[in-house]
Amino acid sequence: MGLSLIYYPLVGAIIGGVLFTVSYFFQGMASPVLAAFLLIVWVVCSGALHLDGFADSVDAFMAGHSLHSEGSPEEQKNLKKERILSIMKDPTSGPVAVVALVLLLLLKFALLHSLIEYGLWYVLVLSPLIGRAFLPVVLLTTPYVRENGSGSWLVDYAPKDIVWPGLAVLTIGLIALFGAWLFVTLICCLFVFLGVRMYLMARIGGTTGDTAGGILEVIELMFMLFGVMLIQAM
């Protein structure tokens, strides 16, 4: 499982290749229909795994935020952390999680439509790759708060001497291939990640598998958003 971290960007590249292939063969479709079709294929490719993590995270943090308890600030913080982690394990989703999920998919659909309209197929291909390239960064720079969670095995047995140089080579290669807009987009995504990480550290002291999946979804979304904006600006 530790070695699997090396292949996360490759999995993202394969998903991006699938999306490009689908868009190529169905390019005669109206743009909104093709965008919806690509979104469905994207969700199916990942089994909605990370969308589930995103929904669970939103549910847990919103519910944990509303918890009021007696005791010292440290005791209140620990109680909120325990509540957040317990809600994340609950297989059901509240209305806030459903609304957040719908809004995320709606924005993804709109961005896919924009990519089709402007012919920015390379952004479509790179988005799942970049999202999954951030997963090792999340897991290797943020404490994993569930001792017996599957993500803890990834962290404990990850070949860090391979993962970090591999990510560096990948990043340099992509920037050399796609130019300044990609560099700026990656910097913007990095700031988004750092902001989310800071919030997670403050609330639960680290990350879980659900929050890591949620970060992946956010990074994919932000990469498309910043990519479209910067390419148009340049």
C-alpha atoms as a PDB file:
ATOM      1  CA  MET A   1       0.000   0.000   0.000  1.00  0.00           C
ATOM      2  CA  GLY A   2       2.871   2.346   0.705  1.00  0.00           C
ATOM      3  CA  LEU A   3       4.263   1.805  -2.782  1.00  0.00           C
ATOM      4  CA  SER A   4       0.876   2.670  -4.306  1.00  0.00           C
ATOM      5  CA  LEU A   5       1.505   6.362  -3.538  1.00  0.00           C
ATOM      6  CA  ILE A   6       4.030   6.401  -6.374  1.00  0.00           C
ATOM      7  CA  TYR A   7       1.304   5.585  -8.896  1.00  0.00           C
ATOM      8  CA  TYR A   8      -1.353   8.105  -7.859  1.00  0.00           C
ATOM      9  CA  PRO A   9      -0.377  10.661 -10.544  1.00  0.00           C
ATOM     10  CA  LEU A  10      -0.327   7.844 -13.124  1.00  0.00           C
ATOM     11  CA  VAL A  11      -3.867   6.867 -12.157  1.00  0.00           C
ATOM     12  CA  GLY A  12      -4.852  10.522 -12.587  1.00  0.00           C
ATOM     13  CA  ALA A  13      -3.219  10.601 -16.021  1.00  0.00           C
ATOM     14  CA  ILE A  14      -5.153   7.472 -17.038  1.00  0.00           C
ATOM     15  CA  ILE A  15      -8.444   9.047 -15.918  1.00  0.00           C
ATOM     16  CA  GLY A  16      -7.527  12.202 -17.826  1.00  0.00           C
ATOM     17  CA  GLY A  17      -6.789  10.080 -20.889  1.00  0.00           C
ATOM     18  CA  VAL A  18     -10.177   8.382 -20.594  1.00  0.00           C
ATOM     19  CA  LEU A  19     -11.918  11.763 -20.403  1.00  0.00           C
ATOM     20  CA  PHE A  20     -10.033  13.017 -23.451  1.00  0.00           C
ATOM     21  CA  THR A  21     -10.867   9.863 -25.417  1.00  0.00           C
ATOM     22  CA  VAL A  22     -14.554  10.167 -24.547  1.00  0.00           C
ATOM     23  CA  SER A  23     -14.588  13.850 -25.501  1.00  0.00           C
ATOM     24  CA  TYR A  24     -12.861  13.050 -28.812  1.00  0.00           C
ATOM     25  CA  PHE A  25     -15.355  10.402 -29.860  1.00  0.00           C
ATOM     26  CA  PHE A  26     -18.386  12.411 -28.761  1.00  0.00           C
ATOM     27  CA  GLN A  27     -17.206  15.868 -29.825  1.00  0.00           C
ATOM     28  CA  GLY A  28     -20.270  16.238 -32.059  1.00  0.00           C
ATOM     29  CA  MET A  29     -22.519  16.506 -29.000  1.00  0.00           C
ATOM     30  CA  ALA A  30     -23.801  19.848 -27.790  1.00  0.00           C
ATOM     31  CA  SER A  31     -21.350  21.287 -25.239  1.00  0.00           C
ATOM     32  CA  PRO A  32     -23.667  21.070 -22.183  1.00  0.00           C
ATOM     33  CA  VAL A  33     -24.550  17.450 -22.980  1.00  0.00           C
ATOM     34  CA  LEU A  34     -20.903  16.501 -23.491  1.00  0.00           C
ATOM     35  CA  ALA A  35     -19.936  18.275 -20.259  1.00  0.00           C
ATOM     36  CA  ALA A  36     -22.587  16.317 -18.347  1.00  0.00           C
ATOM     37  CA  PHE A  37     -21.476  13.067 -19.991  1.00  0.00           C
ATOM     38  CA  LEU A  38     -17.812  13.744 -19.100  1.00  0.00           C
ATOM     39  CA  LEU A  39     -18.785  14.477 -15.509  1.00  0.00           C
ATOM     40  CA  ILE A  40     -20.612  11.142 -15.279  1.00  0.00           C
ATOM     41  CA  VAL A  41     -17.612   9.290 -16.735  1.00  0.00           C
ATOM     42  CA  TRP A  42     -15.296  11.105 -14.306  1.00  0.00           C
ATOM     43  CA  VAL A  43     -17.413  10.111 -11.303  1.00  0.00           C
ATOM     44  CA  VAL A  44     -17.649   6.500 -12.508  1.00  0.00           C
ATOM     45  CA  CYS A  45     -13.871   6.272 -13.043  1.00  0.00           C
ATOM     46  CA  SER A  46     -13.206   7.166  -9.405  1.00  0.00           C
ATOM     47  CA  GLY A  47     -16.199   5.278  -8.029  1.00  0.00           C
ATOM     48  CA  ALA A  48     -17.287   8.547  -6.344  1.00  0.00           C
ATOM     49  CA  LEU A  49     -14.741   7.632  -3.651  1.00  0.00           C
ATOM     50  CA  HIS A  50     -13.353  11.116  -3.152  1.00  0.00           C
ATOM     51  CA  LEU A  51     -16.764  12.757  -3.534  1.00  0.00           C
ATOM     52  CA  ASP A  52     -17.850  10.602  -0.609  1.00  0.00           C
ATOM     53  CA  GLY A  53     -14.864  11.858   1.390  1.00  0.00           C
ATOM     54  CA  PHE A  54     -15.721  15.451   0.491  1.00  0.00           C
ATOM     55  CA  ALA A  55     -19.346  15.014   1.598  1.00  0.00           C
ATOM     56  CA  ASP A  56     -18.365  13.275   4.845  1.00  0.00           C
ATOM     57  CA  SER A  57     -15.859  16.029   5.629  1.00  0.00           C
ATOM     58  CA  VAL A  58     -18.361  18.837   5.061  1.00  0.00           C
ATOM     59  CA  ASP A  59     -20.948  17.016   7.162  1.00  0.00           C
ATOM     60  CA  ALA A  60     -18.524  16.390  10.020  1.00  0.00           C
ATOM     61  CA  PHE A  61     -16.993  19.848  10.207  1.00  0.00           C
ATOM     62  CA  MET A  62     -20.331  21.649  10.009  1.00  0.00           C
ATOM     63  CA  ALA A  63     -21.834  19.477  12.753  1.00  0.00           C
ATOM     64  CA  GLY A  64     -18.673  19.684  14.876  1.00  0.00           C
ATOM     65  CA  HIS A  65     -18.642  23.458  14.552  1.00  0.00           C
ATOM     66  CA  SER A  66     -22.109  23.705  16.137  1.00  0.00           C
ATOM     67  CA  LEU A  67     -21.174  21.613  19.175  1.00  0.00           C
ATOM     68  CA  HIS A  68     -21.259  23.567  22.454  1.00  0.00           C
ATOM     69  CA  SER A  69     -19.867  22.009  25.589  1.00  0.00           C
ATOM     70  CA  GLU A  70     -18.662  22.946  29.022  1.00  0.00           C
ATOM     71  CA  GLY A  71     -15.077  22.751  30.183  1.00  0.00           C
ATOM     72  CA  SER A  72     -11.754  24.334  29.356  1.00  0.00           C
ATOM     73  CA  PRO A  73     -10.951  25.460  25.804  1.00  0.00           C
ATOM     74  CA  GLU A  74      -8.692  22.420  25.399  1.00  0.00           C
ATOM     75  CA  GLU A  75     -11.442  20.048  26.560  1.00  0.00           C
ATOM     76  CA  GLN A  76     -13.946  21.679  24.209  1.00  0.00           C
ATOM     77  CA  LYS A  77     -11.484  21.354  21.335  1.00  0.00           C
ATOM     78  CA  ASN A  78     -10.952  17.644  22.050  1.00  0.00           C
ATOM     79  CA  LEU A  79     -14.706  17.009  22.271  1.00  0.00           C
ATOM     80  CA  LYS A  80     -15.260  18.759  18.944  1.00  0.00           C
ATOM     81  CA  LYS A  81     -12.427  16.735  17.380  1.00  0.00           C
ATOM     82  CA  GLU A  82     -13.942  13.451  18.614  1.00  0.00           C
ATOM     83  CA  ARG A  83     -17.378  14.463  17.338  1.00  0.00           C
ATOM     84  CA  ILE A  84     -15.997  15.432  13.927  1.00  0.00           C
ATOM     85  CA  LEU A  85     -14.153  12.123  13.567  1.00  0.00           C
ATOM     86  CA  SER A  86     -17.182  10.099  14.681  1.00  0.00           C
ATOM     87  CA  ILE A  87     -19.495  11.885  12.219  1.00  0.00           C
ATOM     88  CA  MET A  88     -17.022  11.222   9.396  1.00  0.00           C
ATOM     89  CA  LYS A  89     -17.391   7.485  10.005  1.00  0.00           C
ATOM     90  CA  ASP A  90     -21.182   7.712   9.800  1.00  0.00           C
ATOM     91  CA  PRO A  91     -22.266   6.306   6.384  1.00  0.00           C
ATOM     92  CA  THR A  92     -25.267   8.645   6.182  1.00  0.00           C
ATOM     93  CA  SER A  93     -25.074  12.221   4.888  1.00  0.00           C
ATOM     94  CA  GLY A  94     -26.906  15.277   6.182  1.00  0.00           C
ATOM     95  CA  PRO A  95     -28.542  17.996   4.043  1.00  0.00           C
ATOM     96  CA  VAL A  96     -25.476  20.267   4.262  1.00  0.00           C
ATOM     97  CA  ALA A  97     -23.282  17.528   2.775  1.00  0.00           C
ATOM     98  CA  VAL A  98     -25.796  16.945  -0.028  1.00  0.00           C
ATOM     99  CA  VAL A  99     -25.961  20.655  -0.842  1.00  0.00           C
ATOM    100  CA  ALA A 100     -22.145  20.958  -0.822  1.00  0.00           C
ATOM    101  CA  LEU A 101     -21.848  17.926  -3.113  1.00  0.00           C
ATOM    102  CA  VAL A 102     -24.416  19.309  -5.563  1.00  0.00           C
ATOM    103  CA  LEU A 103     -22.643  22.681  -5.655  1.00  0.00           C
ATOM    104  CA  LEU A 104     -19.257  21.016  -6.220  1.00  0.00           C
ATOM    105  CA  LEU A 105     -20.589  18.944  -9.125  1.00  0.00           C
ATOM    106  CA  LEU A 106     -22.443  21.956 -10.542  1.00  0.00           C
ATOM    107  CA  LEU A 107     -19.255  24.004 -10.591  1.00  0.00           C
ATOM    108  CA  LYS A 108     -17.341  21.080 -12.103  1.00  0.00           C
ATOM    109  CA  PHE A 109     -19.979  20.805 -14.828  1.00  0.00           C
ATOM    110  CA  ALA A 110     -19.725  24.539 -15.575  1.00  0.00           C
ATOM    111  CA  LEU A 111     -15.936  24.346 -15.793  1.00  0.00           C
ATOM    112  CA  LEU A 112     -16.085  21.286 -18.048  1.00  0.00           C
ATOM    113  CA  HIS A 113     -18.451  23.223 -20.304  1.00  0.00           C
ATOM    114  CA  SER A 114     -15.946  26.100 -20.417  1.00  0.00           C
ATOM    115  CA  LEU A 115     -13.063  23.743 -21.238  1.00  0.00           C
ATOM    116  CA  ILE A 116     -15.078  22.289 -24.145  1.00  0.00           C
ATOM    117  CA  GLU A 117     -16.098  25.725 -25.426  1.00  0.00           C
ATOM    118  CA  TYR A 118     -12.513  27.038 -25.406  1.00  0.00           C
ATOM    119  CA  GLY A 119     -10.945  23.760 -26.580  1.00  0.00           C
ATOM    120  CA  LEU A 120      -8.748  23.478 -23.470  1.00  0.00           C
ATOM    121  CA  TRP A 121      -8.484  19.702 -23.560  1.00  0.00           C
ATOM    122  CA  TYR A 122      -5.074  19.646 -21.901  1.00  0.00           C
ATOM    123  CA  VAL A 123      -6.568  21.233 -18.756  1.00  0.00           C
ATOM    124  CA  LEU A 124      -9.155  18.445 -18.719  1.00  0.00           C
ATOM    125  CA  VAL A 125      -6.432  15.786 -18.974  1.00  0.00           C
ATOM    126  CA  LEU A 126      -4.200  17.417 -16.335  1.00  0.00           C
ATOM    127  CA  SER A 127      -6.885  18.059 -13.721  1.00  0.00           C
ATOM    128  CA  PRO A 128      -7.224  14.484 -12.345  1.00  0.00           C
ATOM    129  CA  LEU A 129      -3.439  14.060 -12.593  1.00  0.00           C
ATOM    130  CA  ILE A 130      -2.736  17.181 -10.519  1.00  0.00           C
ATOM    131  CA  GLY A 131      -5.438  16.281  -8.005  1.00  0.00           C
ATOM    132  CA  ARG A 132      -3.877  12.885  -7.379  1.00  0.00           C
ATOM    133  CA  ALA A 133      -0.359  14.294  -7.344  1.00  0.00           C
ATOM    134  CA  PHE A 134      -1.435  16.367  -4.350  1.00  0.00           C
ATOM    135  CA  LEU A 135      -2.571  13.289  -2.403  1.00  0.00           C
ATOM    136  CA  PRO A 136       0.969  12.157  -1.502  1.00  0.00           C
ATOM    137  CA  VAL A 137       1.726  15.749  -0.493  1.00  0.00           C
ATOM    138  CA  VAL A 138      -1.318  15.760   1.808  1.00  0.00           C
ATOM    139  CA  LEU A 139      -0.494  12.410   3.411  1.00  0.00           C
ATOM    140  CA  LEU A 140       3.252  12.998   3.813  1.00  0.00           C
ATOM    141  CA  THR A 141       3.076  16.540   5.206  1.00  0.00           C
ATOM    142  CA  THR A 142       0.006  16.279   7.458  1.00  0.00           C
ATOM    143  CA  PRO A 143      -0.347  14.056  10.542  1.00  0.00           C
ATOM    144  CA  TYR A 144      -2.786  11.193  10.046  1.00  0.00           C
ATOM    145  CA  VAL A 145      -5.200  11.297  12.970  1.00  0.00           C
ATOM    146  CA  ARG A 146      -6.721   7.797  12.762  1.00  0.00           C
ATOM    147  CA  GLU A 147      -4.214   5.307  14.149  1.00  0.00           C
ATOM    148  CA  ASN A 148      -5.880   2.258  12.600  1.00  0.00           C
ATOM    149  CA  GLY A 149      -7.092   3.887   9.390  1.00  0.00           C
ATOM    150  CA  SER A 150      -5.996   2.568   6.003  1.00  0.00           C
ATOM    151  CA  GLY A 151      -4.326   5.899   5.277  1.00  0.00           C
ATOM    152  CA  SER A 152      -1.949   5.362   8.190  1.00  0.00           C
ATOM    153  CA  TRP A 153      -0.416   2.436   6.290  1.00  0.00           C
ATOM    154  CA  LEU A 154       0.197   4.694   3.308  1.00  0.00           C
ATOM    155  CA  VAL A 155       1.984   7.195   5.524  1.00  0.00           C
ATOM    156  CA  ASP A 156       3.995   4.626   7.498  1.00  0.00           C
ATOM    157  CA  TYR A 157       5.198   2.608   4.506  1.00  0.00           C
ATOM    158  CA  ALA A 158       5.419   5.267   1.785  1.00  0.00           C
ATOM    159  CA  PRO A 159       8.809   5.228   0.014  1.00  0.00           C
ATOM    160  CA  LYS A 160       9.512   8.918   0.654  1.00  0.00           C
ATOM    161  CA  ASP A 161      12.914   8.729  -1.074  1.00  0.00           C
ATOM    162  CA  ILE A 162      11.043   7.896  -4.293  1.00  0.00           C
ATOM    163  CA  VAL A 163       7.823   9.903  -3.886  1.00  0.00           C
ATOM    164  CA  TRP A 164       9.366  13.345  -3.345  1.00  0.00           C
ATOM    165  CA  PRO A 165      11.927  13.186  -6.202  1.00  0.00           C
ATOM    166  CA  GLY A 166       9.218  11.714  -8.435  1.00  0.00           C
ATOM    167  CA  LEU A 167       6.834  14.578  -7.696  1.00  0.00           C
ATOM    168  CA  ALA A 168       9.629  17.087  -8.287  1.00  0.00           C
ATOM    169  CA  VAL A 169      10.507  15.586 -11.673  1.00  0.00           C
ATOM    170  CA  LEU A 170       6.817  15.438 -12.625  1.00  0.00           C
ATOM    171  CA  THR A 171       6.261  19.074 -11.669  1.00  0.00           C
ATOM    172  CA  ILE A 172       9.329  20.347 -13.514  1.00  0.00           C
ATOM    173  CA  GLY A 173       8.468  18.291 -16.589  1.00  0.00           C
ATOM    174  CA  LEU A 174       4.880  19.573 -16.725  1.00  0.00           C
ATOM    175  CA  ILE A 175       5.945  23.194 -16.265  1.00  0.00           C
ATOM    176  CA  ALA A 176       8.551  22.815 -19.026  1.00  0.00           C
ATOM    177  CA  LEU A 177       5.890  21.308 -21.294  1.00  0.00           C
ATOM    178  CA  PHE A 178       2.968  23.670 -20.610  1.00  0.00           C
ATOM    179  CA  GLY A 179       4.652  26.899 -19.582  1.00  0.00           C
ATOM    180  CA  ALA A 180       3.945  29.780 -17.218  1.00  0.00           C
ATOM    181  CA  TRP A 181       0.182  29.317 -16.839  1.00  0.00           C
ATOM    182  CA  LEU A 182       0.705  25.854 -15.349  1.00  0.00           C
ATOM    183  CA  PHE A 183       3.319  27.146 -12.914  1.00  0.00           C
ATOM    184  CA  VAL A 184       1.027  29.924 -11.694  1.00  0.00           C
ATOM    185  CA  THR A 185      -1.945  27.548 -11.508  1.00  0.00           C
ATOM    186  CA  LEU A 186       0.048  25.097  -9.390  1.00  0.00           C
ATOM    187  CA  ILE A 187       1.096  27.909  -7.041  1.00  0.00           C
ATOM    188  CA  CYS A 188      -2.563  28.919  -6.647  1.00  0.00           C
ATOM    189  CA  CYS A 189      -3.545  25.303  -5.938  1.00  0.00           C
ATOM    190  CA  LEU A 190      -0.711  25.048  -3.414  1.00  0.00           C
ATOM    191  CA  PHE A 191      -2.051  28.073  -1.521  1.00  0.00           C
ATOM    192  CA  VAL A 192      -5.527  26.508  -1.500  1.00  0.00           C
ATOM    193  CA  PHE A 193      -4.052  23.296  -0.098  1.00  0.00           C
ATOM    194  CA  LEU A 194      -2.109  25.184   2.574  1.00  0.00           C
ATOM    195  CA  GLY A 195      -5.266  27.032   3.610  1.00  0.00           C
ATOM    196  CA  VAL A 196      -7.252  23.802   3.912  1.00  0.00           C
ATOM    197  CA  ARG A 197      -4.369  22.114   5.751  1.00  0.00           C
ATOM    198  CA  MET A 198      -4.191  24.974   8.239  1.00  0.00           C
ATOM    199  CA  TYR A 199      -7.913  24.597   8.916  1.00  0.00           C
ATOM    200  CA  LEU A 200      -7.604  20.822   9.383  1.00  0.00           C
ATOM    201  CA  MET A 201      -4.685  21.220  11.774  1.00  0.00           C
ATOM    202  CA  ALA A 202      -6.660  23.714  13.831  1.00  0.00           C
ATOM    203  CA  ARG A 203      -9.817  21.561  13.994  1.00  0.00           C
ATOM    204  CA  ILE A 204      -8.630  17.935  14.204  1.00  0.00           C
ATOM    205  CA  GLY A 205      -4.841  18.144  14.287  1.00  0.00           C
ATOM    206  CA  GLY A 206      -4.267  16.497  10.902  1.00  0.00           C
ATOM    207  CA  THR A 207      -6.000  14.632   8.116  1.00  0.00           C
ATOM    208  CA  THR A 208      -8.047  11.492   7.532  1.00  0.00           C
ATOM    209  CA  GLY A 209      -8.820   9.485   4.420  1.00  0.00           C
ATOM    210  CA  ASP A 210     -12.051  11.450   3.991  1.00  0.00           C
ATOM    211  CA  THR A 211     -10.414  14.849   4.242  1.00  0.00           C
ATOM    212  CA  ALA A 212      -7.619  13.762   1.888  1.00  0.00           C
ATOM    213  CA  GLY A 213     -10.265  12.736  -0.655  1.00  0.00           C
ATOM    214  CA  GLY A 214     -12.045  16.030  -0.124  1.00  0.00           C
ATOM    215  CA  ILE A 215      -8.805  17.928  -0.768  1.00  0.00           C
ATOM    216  CA  LEU A 216      -8.343  16.000  -4.018  1.00  0.00           C
ATOM    217  CA  GLU A 217     -11.803  17.091  -5.191  1.00  0.00           C
ATOM    218  CA  VAL A 218     -11.113  20.706  -4.253  1.00  0.00           C
ATOM    219  CA  ILE A 219      -7.724  20.714  -6.000  1.00  0.00           C
ATOM    220  CA  GLU A 220      -9.208  19.241  -9.194  1.00  0.00           C
ATOM    221  CA  LEU A 221     -11.853  21.965  -9.142  1.00  0.00           C
ATOM    222  CA  MET A 222      -9.402  24.772  -8.383  1.00  0.00           C
ATOM    223  CA  PHE A 223      -6.984  23.587 -11.064  1.00  0.00           C
ATOM    224  CA  MET A 224      -9.694  23.838 -13.708  1.00  0.00           C
ATOM    225  CA  LEU A 225     -10.901  27.192 -12.374  1.00  0.00           C
ATOM    226  CA  PHE A 226      -7.469  28.840 -12.128  1.00  0.00           C
ATOM    227  CA  GLY A 227      -6.388  27.206 -15.397  1.00  0.00           C
ATOM    228  CA  VAL A 228      -9.302  28.653 -17.370  1.00  0.00           C
ATOM    229  CA  MET A 229      -8.908  32.086 -15.767  1.00  0.00           C
ATOM    230  CA  LEU A 230      -5.143  32.307 -16.318  1.00  0.00           C
ATOM    231  CA  ILE A 231      -5.175  30.986 -19.892  1.00  0.00           C
ATOM    232  CA  GLN A 232      -7.829  33.557 -20.793  1.00  0.00           C
ATOM    233  CA  ALA A 233      -5.853  36.320 -19.034  1.00  0.00           C
ATOM    234  CA  MET A 234      -2.626  35.399 -20.819  1.00  0.00           C
END
